[in-house]
Amino acid sequence: PVVVELGCGGGELLGQLAQTRDITGVGIDLSTAAASDAARHSPALTWVVANADRRLPILDASVDVVLSVHARRNPAECRRVLRPSGWLVVAVPAANDLIQLRSLVQGEAVARERTAQLIAEHAPWFTVVEQTAVEQTLHLDRDALHRLLRGTYRGERLSQSAQVQQLDDLDVTLASDIVVFAPRRQVA
């Protein structure tokens, strides 16, 4: 099966999937550095530098699975590239994702529910097959917290804040809402 990951970053997820399954993997990311890193770690897969918000450099109806894990999404393009029997798997941060770190760094922990909006954005092209949530709380040391913060939106800018500089260790919740979509039949 052909598996495409949007916003693949350094390719860790797609690389691990390819180690456990016989797939043709294509990772797409806007960062040249991330794609280069992914290519070094998983040279048997295809790594593409492209903007997933625009037209995907993938043929129509040629993909079995599209993955978007805390990354950009383009529902119309995902529908275009998926086979009629394909799946779109999207993970978005759950309301309590990184809640402890966000509270400490930003001074408050605003819970944001994203799943209803995600489903609404995809409704013209997809139907929901399954929804689930995953959550884990980890005790992270200073280095792990700084790496985690650098990988988050606005993290590099916040990494210099006084609150972040004082971090030694912290229990941090990692939580995602996962939605599996199937393409709607296209009307001719």
N, C-alpha and C. Protein backbone atom coordinates (compact mmCIF):
# COMPACT_ATOMS: atom_id res chain seq x y z
N PRO A 1 0.82 -1.21 0.00
CA PRO A 1 0.00 0.00 0.00
C PRO A 1 0.86 1.26 0.00
N VAL A 2 0.34 2.31 -0.60
CA VAL A 2 1.01 3.60 -0.63
C VAL A 2 0.49 4.42 0.55
N VAL A 3 1.43 4.87 1.39
CA VAL A 3 1.11 5.66 2.57
C VAL A 3 1.82 7.00 2.44
N VAL A 4 1.06 8.09 2.54
CA VAL A 4 1.60 9.44 2.47
C VAL A 4 1.39 10.11 3.82
N GLU A 5 2.46 10.72 4.34
CA GLU A 5 2.34 11.47 5.59
C GLU A 5 2.55 12.94 5.30
N LEU A 6 1.55 13.74 5.64
CA LEU A 6 1.62 15.19 5.50
C LEU A 6 2.30 15.76 6.74
N GLY A 7 3.21 16.72 6.53
CA GLY A 7 3.91 17.30 7.67
C GLY A 7 4.73 16.26 8.40
N CYS A 8 5.50 15.50 7.66
CA CYS A 8 6.21 14.34 8.22
C CYS A 8 7.38 14.70 9.11
N GLY A 9 7.82 15.97 9.09
CA GLY A 9 8.97 16.36 9.91
C GLY A 9 10.18 15.51 9.58
N GLY A 10 10.84 15.00 10.59
CA GLY A 10 12.03 14.18 10.39
C GLY A 10 11.75 12.75 9.99
N GLY A 11 10.49 12.40 9.75
CA GLY A 11 10.13 11.10 9.22
C GLY A 11 10.05 9.96 10.21
N GLU A 12 10.01 10.26 11.50
CA GLU A 12 10.03 9.20 12.51
C GLU A 12 8.84 8.26 12.38
N LEU A 13 7.63 8.80 12.27
CA LEU A 13 6.44 7.97 12.21
C LEU A 13 6.42 7.10 10.96
N LEU A 14 6.61 7.70 9.81
CA LEU A 14 6.59 6.95 8.56
C LEU A 14 7.73 5.93 8.51
N GLY A 15 8.88 6.30 9.04
CA GLY A 15 10.02 5.38 9.11
C GLY A 15 9.72 4.16 9.97
N GLN A 16 9.10 4.39 11.12
CA GLN A 16 8.73 3.27 12.00
C GLN A 16 7.67 2.39 11.36
N LEU A 17 6.71 3.01 10.69
CA LEU A 17 5.67 2.24 10.00
C LEU A 17 6.29 1.35 8.92
N ALA A 18 7.24 1.90 8.19
CA ALA A 18 7.90 1.12 7.12
C ALA A 18 8.73 -0.03 7.68
N GLN A 19 9.18 0.09 8.92
CA GLN A 19 9.94 -1.00 9.54
C GLN A 19 9.03 -2.16 9.94
N THR A 20 7.76 -1.88 10.15
CA THR A 20 6.84 -2.93 10.62
C THR A 20 5.87 -3.41 9.54
N ARG A 21 5.76 -2.66 8.45
CA ARG A 21 4.85 -3.01 7.36
C ARG A 21 5.55 -2.82 6.03
N ASP A 22 5.16 -3.62 5.05
CA ASP A 22 5.68 -3.48 3.70
C ASP A 22 4.84 -2.41 2.99
N ILE A 23 5.36 -1.17 2.97
CA ILE A 23 4.63 -0.07 2.36
C ILE A 23 5.52 0.69 1.38
N THR A 24 4.88 1.45 0.53
CA THR A 24 5.56 2.47 -0.25
C THR A 24 5.25 3.77 0.46
N GLY A 25 6.23 4.35 1.11
CA GLY A 25 6.01 5.53 1.95
C GLY A 25 6.49 6.80 1.29
N VAL A 26 5.67 7.84 1.40
CA VAL A 26 6.02 9.17 0.89
C VAL A 26 5.76 10.17 2.00
N GLY A 27 6.81 10.87 2.42
CA GLY A 27 6.68 11.91 3.43
C GLY A 27 6.77 13.28 2.79
N ILE A 28 5.85 14.16 3.18
CA ILE A 28 5.83 15.52 2.63
C ILE A 28 5.97 16.51 3.77
N ASP A 29 6.94 17.43 3.64
CA ASP A 29 7.14 18.45 4.64
C ASP A 29 7.65 19.71 3.96
N LEU A 30 7.34 20.85 4.54
CA LEU A 30 7.77 22.14 3.99
C LEU A 30 9.25 22.42 4.28
N SER A 31 9.80 21.75 5.27
CA SER A 31 11.17 22.00 5.70
C SER A 31 12.17 21.12 4.94
N THR A 32 13.08 21.78 4.26
CA THR A 32 14.15 21.06 3.57
C THR A 32 15.03 20.31 4.57
N ALA A 33 15.31 20.94 5.70
CA ALA A 33 16.14 20.29 6.72
C ALA A 33 15.46 19.04 7.25
N ALA A 34 14.16 19.10 7.49
CA ALA A 34 13.43 17.93 7.99
C ALA A 34 13.45 16.80 6.96
N ALA A 35 13.22 17.14 5.69
CA ALA A 35 13.23 16.12 4.64
C ALA A 35 14.61 15.49 4.49
N SER A 36 15.65 16.30 4.60
CA SER A 36 17.02 15.76 4.52
C SER A 36 17.30 14.82 5.67
N ASP A 37 16.86 15.20 6.86
CA ASP A 37 17.04 14.36 8.04
C ASP A 37 16.28 13.04 7.85
N ALA A 38 15.05 13.11 7.37
CA ALA A 38 14.25 11.91 7.14
C ALA A 38 14.92 11.00 6.12
N ALA A 39 15.47 11.58 5.06
CA ALA A 39 16.13 10.79 4.01
C ALA A 39 17.37 10.07 4.54
N ARG A 40 18.07 10.69 5.47
CA ARG A 40 19.24 10.04 6.08
C ARG A 40 18.84 8.84 6.92
N HIS A 41 17.73 8.98 7.65
CA HIS A 41 17.30 7.91 8.55
C HIS A 41 16.52 6.80 7.84
N SER A 42 15.79 7.14 6.78
CA SER A 42 14.98 6.15 6.06
C SER A 42 15.14 6.36 4.56
N PRO A 43 16.30 5.99 4.01
CA PRO A 43 16.57 6.26 2.59
C PRO A 43 15.71 5.46 1.61
N ALA A 44 15.06 4.40 2.06
CA ALA A 44 14.22 3.60 1.15
C ALA A 44 12.87 4.26 0.88
N LEU A 45 12.52 5.27 1.68
CA LEU A 45 11.24 5.96 1.49
C LEU A 45 11.46 7.21 0.65
N THR A 46 10.38 7.79 0.17
CA THR A 46 10.46 9.01 -0.64
C THR A 46 10.12 10.20 0.23
N TRP A 47 10.96 11.23 0.17
CA TRP A 47 10.78 12.44 0.98
C TRP A 47 10.67 13.63 0.04
N VAL A 48 9.60 14.40 0.20
CA VAL A 48 9.31 15.49 -0.72
C VAL A 48 9.18 16.79 0.06
N VAL A 49 9.83 17.84 -0.45
CA VAL A 49 9.66 19.17 0.12
C VAL A 49 8.54 19.84 -0.65
N ALA A 50 7.43 20.07 0.03
CA ALA A 50 6.26 20.69 -0.60
C ALA A 50 5.36 21.26 0.49
N ASN A 51 4.47 22.14 0.08
CA ASN A 51 3.51 22.75 0.98
C ASN A 51 2.21 21.95 0.92
N ALA A 52 1.88 21.26 2.01
CA ALA A 52 0.68 20.42 2.04
C ALA A 52 -0.60 21.25 2.01
N ASP A 53 -0.49 22.56 2.19
CA ASP A 53 -1.66 23.42 2.09
C ASP A 53 -2.06 23.66 0.64
N ARG A 54 -1.17 23.35 -0.27
CA ARG A 54 -1.43 23.57 -1.69
C ARG A 54 -1.65 22.22 -2.36
N ARG A 55 -1.53 22.18 -3.67
CA ARG A 55 -1.72 20.93 -4.41
C ARG A 55 -0.61 19.95 -4.04
N LEU A 56 -1.01 18.75 -3.65
CA LEU A 56 -0.05 17.71 -3.28
C LEU A 56 0.59 17.14 -4.55
N PRO A 57 1.90 16.91 -4.53
CA PRO A 57 2.59 16.37 -5.70
C PRO A 57 2.40 14.85 -5.80
N ILE A 58 1.14 14.44 -5.84
CA ILE A 58 0.76 13.02 -5.85
C ILE A 58 -0.32 12.85 -6.90
N LEU A 59 -0.28 11.72 -7.63
CA LEU A 59 -1.29 11.43 -8.65
C LEU A 59 -2.67 11.21 -8.05
N ASP A 60 -3.70 11.50 -8.81
CA ASP A 60 -5.08 11.27 -8.40
C ASP A 60 -5.29 9.79 -8.07
N ALA A 61 -6.05 9.53 -7.02
CA ALA A 61 -6.49 8.18 -6.63
C ALA A 61 -5.36 7.15 -6.63
N SER A 62 -4.21 7.55 -6.07
CA SER A 62 -3.05 6.66 -6.08
C SER A 62 -2.58 6.25 -4.69
N VAL A 63 -3.27 6.71 -3.65
CA VAL A 63 -2.80 6.53 -2.27
C VAL A 63 -3.81 5.71 -1.48
N ASP A 64 -3.30 4.81 -0.65
CA ASP A 64 -4.16 3.98 0.20
C ASP A 64 -4.43 4.62 1.56
N VAL A 65 -3.43 5.29 2.12
CA VAL A 65 -3.57 5.92 3.43
C VAL A 65 -2.85 7.26 3.42
N VAL A 66 -3.55 8.30 3.90
CA VAL A 66 -2.92 9.59 4.16
C VAL A 66 -2.93 9.80 5.66
N LEU A 67 -1.76 10.15 6.20
CA LEU A 67 -1.60 10.42 7.63
C LEU A 67 -1.33 11.91 7.84
N SER A 68 -1.96 12.48 8.86
CA SER A 68 -1.66 13.84 9.28
C SER A 68 -1.68 13.83 10.81
N VAL A 69 -0.50 13.83 11.39
CA VAL A 69 -0.38 13.74 12.85
C VAL A 69 0.11 15.08 13.38
N HIS A 70 -0.82 15.83 13.97
CA HIS A 70 -0.52 17.17 14.48
C HIS A 70 0.12 18.01 13.39
N ALA A 71 -0.38 17.88 12.18
CA ALA A 71 0.22 18.56 11.04
C ALA A 71 -0.87 19.23 10.20
N ARG A 72 -0.44 19.85 9.13
CA ARG A 72 -1.35 20.52 8.22
C ARG A 72 -2.24 19.50 7.54
N ARG A 73 -3.40 19.99 7.10
CA ARG A 73 -4.34 19.13 6.40
C ARG A 73 -4.91 19.90 5.22
N ASN A 74 -5.24 19.20 4.20
CA ASN A 74 -5.87 19.79 3.03
C ASN A 74 -6.92 18.79 2.57
N PRO A 75 -8.14 18.87 3.11
CA PRO A 75 -9.14 17.83 2.85
C PRO A 75 -9.41 17.56 1.37
N ALA A 76 -9.54 18.60 0.57
CA ALA A 76 -9.84 18.41 -0.85
C ALA A 76 -8.71 17.67 -1.55
N GLU A 77 -7.48 18.02 -1.23
CA GLU A 77 -6.33 17.35 -1.85
C GLU A 77 -6.19 15.92 -1.34
N CYS A 78 -6.46 15.71 -0.06
CA CYS A 78 -6.42 14.34 0.47
C CYS A 78 -7.44 13.48 -0.25
N ARG A 79 -8.62 14.00 -0.47
CA ARG A 79 -9.65 13.25 -1.19
C ARG A 79 -9.21 12.96 -2.61
N ARG A 80 -8.59 13.94 -3.26
CA ARG A 80 -8.14 13.76 -4.65
C ARG A 80 -7.12 12.64 -4.77
N VAL A 81 -6.16 12.55 -3.84
CA VAL A 81 -5.09 11.57 -3.98
C VAL A 81 -5.47 10.19 -3.46
N LEU A 82 -6.50 10.11 -2.61
CA LEU A 82 -6.88 8.80 -2.05
C LEU A 82 -7.67 7.96 -3.05
N ARG A 83 -7.41 6.67 -3.01
CA ARG A 83 -8.23 5.71 -3.75
C ARG A 83 -9.62 5.70 -3.09
N PRO A 84 -10.65 5.28 -3.80
CA PRO A 84 -11.98 5.21 -3.19
C PRO A 84 -12.02 4.34 -1.93
N SER A 85 -11.14 3.35 -1.86
CA SER A 85 -11.09 2.46 -0.69
C SER A 85 -10.08 2.93 0.36
N GLY A 86 -9.52 4.13 0.18
CA GLY A 86 -8.46 4.62 1.06
C GLY A 86 -8.97 5.17 2.38
N TRP A 87 -8.01 5.53 3.22
CA TRP A 87 -8.29 6.06 4.55
C TRP A 87 -7.47 7.31 4.78
N LEU A 88 -8.08 8.27 5.45
CA LEU A 88 -7.37 9.44 5.94
C LEU A 88 -7.37 9.34 7.46
N VAL A 89 -6.18 9.35 8.06
CA VAL A 89 -6.05 9.25 9.51
C VAL A 89 -5.45 10.57 10.00
N VAL A 90 -6.22 11.26 10.83
CA VAL A 90 -5.81 12.57 11.32
C VAL A 90 -5.77 12.55 12.84
N ALA A 91 -4.65 13.02 13.39
CA ALA A 91 -4.53 13.20 14.84
C ALA A 91 -4.32 14.69 15.10
N VAL A 92 -5.13 15.22 16.01
CA VAL A 92 -4.99 16.61 16.43
C VAL A 92 -4.74 16.64 17.93
N PRO A 93 -4.08 17.69 18.42
CA PRO A 93 -3.87 17.77 19.86
C PRO A 93 -5.22 17.79 20.59
N ALA A 94 -5.33 16.96 21.60
CA ALA A 94 -6.54 16.96 22.43
C ALA A 94 -6.53 18.20 23.32
N ALA A 95 -7.67 18.47 23.93
CA ALA A 95 -7.82 19.68 24.74
C ALA A 95 -6.76 19.79 25.84
N ASN A 96 -6.33 18.67 26.40
CA ASN A 96 -5.36 18.70 27.50
C ASN A 96 -3.93 18.37 27.07
N ASP A 97 -3.66 18.38 25.77
CA ASP A 97 -2.31 18.11 25.29
C ASP A 97 -1.35 19.19 25.80
N LEU A 98 -0.27 18.78 26.41
CA LEU A 98 0.78 19.66 26.94
C LEU A 98 0.23 20.69 27.93
N ILE A 99 -0.85 20.36 28.59
CA ILE A 99 -1.54 21.32 29.46
C ILE A 99 -0.64 21.86 30.55
N GLN A 100 0.20 21.04 31.15
CA GLN A 100 1.10 21.49 32.22
C GLN A 100 2.16 22.44 31.67
N LEU A 101 2.73 22.10 30.55
CA LEU A 101 3.76 22.94 29.95
C LEU A 101 3.17 24.27 29.47
N ARG A 102 2.00 24.21 28.84
CA ARG A 102 1.35 25.44 28.38
C ARG A 102 1.00 26.34 29.56
N SER A 103 0.54 25.76 30.65
CA SER A 103 0.19 26.54 31.83
C SER A 103 1.41 27.24 32.40
N LEU A 104 2.50 26.52 32.49
CA LEU A 104 3.72 27.07 33.06
C LEU A 104 4.32 28.16 32.17
N VAL A 105 4.39 27.91 30.86
CA VAL A 105 5.04 28.83 29.95
C VAL A 105 4.17 30.03 29.61
N GLN A 106 2.88 29.79 29.39
CA GLN A 106 1.99 30.86 28.95
C GLN A 106 1.23 31.52 30.11
N GLY A 107 1.33 30.96 31.29
CA GLY A 107 0.66 31.53 32.44
C GLY A 107 -0.77 31.07 32.62
N GLU A 108 -1.30 30.34 31.65
CA GLU A 108 -2.65 29.79 31.75
C GLU A 108 -2.72 28.56 30.84
N ALA A 109 -3.67 27.73 31.14
CA ALA A 109 -3.84 26.51 30.35
C ALA A 109 -5.25 26.52 29.76
N VAL A 110 -5.37 27.04 28.56
CA VAL A 110 -6.67 27.10 27.89
C VAL A 110 -6.86 25.79 27.14
N ALA A 111 -7.92 25.07 27.48
CA ALA A 111 -8.24 23.82 26.79
C ALA A 111 -8.96 24.15 25.49
N ARG A 112 -8.44 23.65 24.37
CA ARG A 112 -9.04 23.89 23.06
C ARG A 112 -9.49 22.57 22.46
N GLU A 113 -10.78 22.46 22.21
CA GLU A 113 -11.35 21.27 21.58
C GLU A 113 -11.29 21.47 20.07
N ARG A 114 -10.61 20.58 19.37
CA ARG A 114 -10.39 20.75 17.93
C ARG A 114 -11.15 19.74 17.07
N THR A 115 -11.64 18.67 17.67
CA THR A 115 -12.17 17.56 16.87
C THR A 115 -13.44 17.92 16.11
N ALA A 116 -14.35 18.63 16.73
CA ALA A 116 -15.59 18.99 16.03
C ALA A 116 -15.30 19.84 14.80
N GLN A 117 -14.39 20.78 14.92
CA GLN A 117 -14.01 21.61 13.77
C GLN A 117 -13.32 20.78 12.70
N LEU A 118 -12.45 19.86 13.11
CA LEU A 118 -11.77 18.97 12.17
C LEU A 118 -12.79 18.19 11.34
N ILE A 119 -13.76 17.61 12.00
CA ILE A 119 -14.78 16.81 11.32
C ILE A 119 -15.59 17.69 10.37
N ALA A 120 -15.96 18.88 10.81
CA ALA A 120 -16.72 19.80 9.96
C ALA A 120 -15.93 20.20 8.72
N GLU A 121 -14.63 20.47 8.88
CA GLU A 121 -13.78 20.85 7.75
C GLU A 121 -13.67 19.74 6.71
N HIS A 122 -13.74 18.50 7.14
CA HIS A 122 -13.58 17.36 6.24
C HIS A 122 -14.89 16.82 5.70
N ALA A 123 -16.03 17.26 6.26
CA ALA A 123 -17.34 16.70 5.91
C ALA A 123 -17.69 16.73 4.42
N PRO A 124 -17.32 17.73 3.65
CA PRO A 124 -17.67 17.69 2.22
C PRO A 124 -17.01 16.55 1.45
N TRP A 125 -15.89 16.05 1.94
CA TRP A 125 -15.12 15.04 1.21
C TRP A 125 -15.05 13.69 1.90
N PHE A 126 -15.33 13.64 3.21
CA PHE A 126 -15.10 12.43 3.99
C PHE A 126 -16.24 12.15 4.97
N THR A 127 -16.36 10.87 5.32
CA THR A 127 -17.23 10.48 6.42
C THR A 127 -16.34 9.92 7.53
N VAL A 128 -16.77 10.08 8.75
CA VAL A 128 -16.02 9.58 9.90
C VAL A 128 -16.28 8.08 10.04
N VAL A 129 -15.20 7.32 10.12
CA VAL A 129 -15.29 5.88 10.31
C VAL A 129 -15.09 5.53 11.78
N GLU A 130 -14.16 6.23 12.42
CA GLU A 130 -13.84 5.92 13.81
C GLU A 130 -13.20 7.14 14.47
N GLN A 131 -13.46 7.29 15.76
CA GLN A 131 -12.83 8.33 16.58
C GLN A 131 -12.29 7.67 17.84
N THR A 132 -11.13 8.11 18.26
CA THR A 132 -10.57 7.62 19.51
C THR A 132 -9.66 8.69 20.09
N ALA A 133 -9.26 8.51 21.31
CA ALA A 133 -8.34 9.43 21.97
C ALA A 133 -7.22 8.62 22.62
N VAL A 134 -6.04 9.19 22.61
CA VAL A 134 -4.91 8.58 23.31
C VAL A 134 -4.30 9.63 24.22
N GLU A 135 -3.83 9.17 25.36
CA GLU A 135 -3.25 10.09 26.34
C GLU A 135 -2.21 9.36 27.16
N GLN A 136 -1.13 10.08 27.44
CA GLN A 136 -0.08 9.53 28.29
C GLN A 136 0.58 10.70 29.01
N THR A 137 0.87 10.51 30.28
CA THR A 137 1.60 11.52 31.05
C THR A 137 3.00 10.99 31.30
N LEU A 138 3.97 11.80 30.94
CA LEU A 138 5.38 11.42 31.08
C LEU A 138 6.09 12.40 32.00
N HIS A 139 7.05 11.91 32.75
CA HIS A 139 7.90 12.77 33.56
C HIS A 139 9.12 13.10 32.69
N LEU A 140 9.28 14.38 32.35
CA LEU A 140 10.34 14.81 31.45
C LEU A 140 11.37 15.66 32.17
N ASP A 141 12.65 15.43 31.84
CA ASP A 141 13.71 16.25 32.42
C ASP A 141 13.89 17.52 31.60
N ARG A 142 14.79 18.37 32.03
CA ARG A 142 15.01 19.68 31.40
C ARG A 142 15.28 19.56 29.90
N ASP A 143 16.19 18.68 29.51
CA ASP A 143 16.52 18.55 28.08
C ASP A 143 15.32 18.10 27.26
N ALA A 144 14.58 17.13 27.77
CA ALA A 144 13.40 16.64 27.05
C ALA A 144 12.33 17.73 26.94
N LEU A 145 12.16 18.52 28.00
CA LEU A 145 11.19 19.61 27.95
C LEU A 145 11.57 20.66 26.92
N HIS A 146 12.85 20.98 26.83
CA HIS A 146 13.30 21.96 25.84
C HIS A 146 13.15 21.42 24.42
N ARG A 147 13.44 20.14 24.21
CA ARG A 147 13.24 19.54 22.88
C ARG A 147 11.76 19.55 22.52
N LEU A 148 10.92 19.21 23.48
CA LEU A 148 9.47 19.20 23.24
C LEU A 148 8.99 20.61 22.92
N LEU A 149 9.43 21.58 23.64
CA LEU A 149 9.01 22.95 23.41
C LEU A 149 9.47 23.47 22.04
N ARG A 150 10.69 23.11 21.64
CA ARG A 150 11.18 23.53 20.32
C ARG A 150 10.34 22.92 19.20
N GLY A 151 9.75 21.76 19.44
CA GLY A 151 8.94 21.10 18.42
C GLY A 151 7.50 21.57 18.38
N THR A 152 7.15 22.52 19.25
CA THR A 152 5.78 23.01 19.28
C THR A 152 5.69 24.36 18.57
N TYR A 153 4.49 24.73 18.22
CA TYR A 153 4.24 26.01 17.57
C TYR A 153 4.68 27.15 18.50
N ARG A 154 5.45 28.06 17.99
CA ARG A 154 6.00 29.19 18.74
C ARG A 154 7.01 28.76 19.81
N GLY A 155 7.37 27.51 19.81
CA GLY A 155 8.25 27.00 20.86
C GLY A 155 9.62 27.62 20.89
N GLU A 156 10.19 27.89 19.73
CA GLU A 156 11.53 28.46 19.69
C GLU A 156 11.54 29.83 20.35
N ARG A 157 10.52 30.63 20.06
CA ARG A 157 10.44 31.96 20.65
C ARG A 157 10.24 31.87 22.17
N LEU A 158 9.40 30.95 22.61
CA LEU A 158 9.12 30.82 24.03
C LEU A 158 10.26 30.15 24.80
N SER A 159 11.14 29.45 24.08
CA SER A 159 12.19 28.69 24.78
C SER A 159 13.15 29.60 25.55
N GLN A 160 13.15 30.88 25.24
CA GLN A 160 14.04 31.80 25.94
C GLN A 160 13.37 32.49 27.13
N SER A 161 12.10 32.23 27.35
CA SER A 161 11.39 32.91 28.44
C SER A 161 11.94 32.48 29.80
N ALA A 162 11.75 33.35 30.76
CA ALA A 162 12.26 33.08 32.11
C ALA A 162 11.65 31.81 32.70
N GLN A 163 10.35 31.59 32.43
CA GLN A 163 9.69 30.41 32.97
C GLN A 163 10.34 29.13 32.42
N VAL A 164 10.66 29.13 31.15
CA VAL A 164 11.25 27.95 30.52
C VAL A 164 12.67 27.74 31.03
N GLN A 165 13.41 28.80 31.21
CA GLN A 165 14.79 28.68 31.68
C GLN A 165 14.86 28.07 33.08
N GLN A 166 13.80 28.20 33.86
CA GLN A 166 13.78 27.66 35.22
C GLN A 166 13.30 26.22 35.29
N LEU A 167 12.87 25.65 34.17
CA LEU A 167 12.35 24.28 34.17
C LEU A 167 13.46 23.27 34.47
N ASP A 168 13.23 22.40 35.40
CA ASP A 168 14.15 21.29 35.66
C ASP A 168 13.52 19.98 35.23
N ASP A 169 12.27 19.76 35.64
CA ASP A 169 11.53 18.58 35.23
C ASP A 169 10.05 18.86 35.44
N LEU A 170 9.22 18.06 34.78
CA LEU A 170 7.78 18.31 34.84
C LEU A 170 7.05 17.08 34.31
N ASP A 171 5.90 16.79 34.91
CA ASP A 171 5.00 15.78 34.35
C ASP A 171 4.20 16.46 33.25
N VAL A 172 4.21 15.90 32.06
CA VAL A 172 3.55 16.51 30.91
C VAL A 172 2.61 15.49 30.27
N THR A 173 1.38 15.93 30.01
CA THR A 173 0.40 15.09 29.35
C THR A 173 0.51 15.27 27.84
N LEU A 174 0.67 14.16 27.14
CA LEU A 174 0.64 14.13 25.68
C LEU A 174 -0.69 13.48 25.31
N ALA A 175 -1.52 14.21 24.57
CA ALA A 175 -2.86 13.70 24.27
C ALA A 175 -3.27 14.08 22.86
N SER A 176 -3.87 13.12 22.16
CA SER A 176 -4.34 13.35 20.79
C SER A 176 -5.73 12.79 20.62
N ASP A 177 -6.52 13.48 19.81
CA ASP A 177 -7.78 12.95 19.32
C ASP A 177 -7.51 12.46 17.91
N ILE A 178 -7.91 11.23 17.62
CA ILE A 178 -7.62 10.61 16.32
C ILE A 178 -8.94 10.33 15.62
N VAL A 179 -9.02 10.74 14.36
CA VAL A 179 -10.21 10.52 13.55
C VAL A 179 -9.79 9.80 12.27
N VAL A 180 -10.47 8.69 11.98
CA VAL A 180 -10.24 7.96 10.73
C VAL A 180 -11.41 8.30 9.81
N PHE A 181 -11.06 8.75 8.61
CA PHE A 181 -12.05 9.15 7.62
C PHE A 181 -12.00 8.21 6.41
N ALA A 182 -13.15 8.03 5.77
CA ALA A 182 -13.23 7.35 4.48
C ALA A 182 -13.74 8.36 3.46
N PRO A 183 -13.24 8.29 2.24
CA PRO A 183 -13.69 9.23 1.22
C PRO A 183 -15.17 9.06 0.91
N ARG A 184 -15.84 10.18 0.72
CA ARG A 184 -17.22 10.14 0.23
C ARG A 184 -17.17 9.78 -1.24
N ARG A 185 -18.21 9.11 -1.70
CA ARG A 185 -18.30 8.82 -3.14
C ARG A 185 -18.43 10.13 -3.89
N GLN A 186 -17.69 10.23 -4.94
CA GLN A 186 -17.77 11.43 -5.77
C GLN A 186 -18.92 11.29 -6.76
N VAL A 187 -19.72 12.32 -6.85
CA VAL A 187 -20.83 12.32 -7.79
C VAL A 187 -20.34 12.88 -9.12
N ALA A 188 -20.62 12.16 -10.20
CA ALA A 188 -20.13 12.57 -11.52
C ALA A 188 -20.90 13.76 -12.06
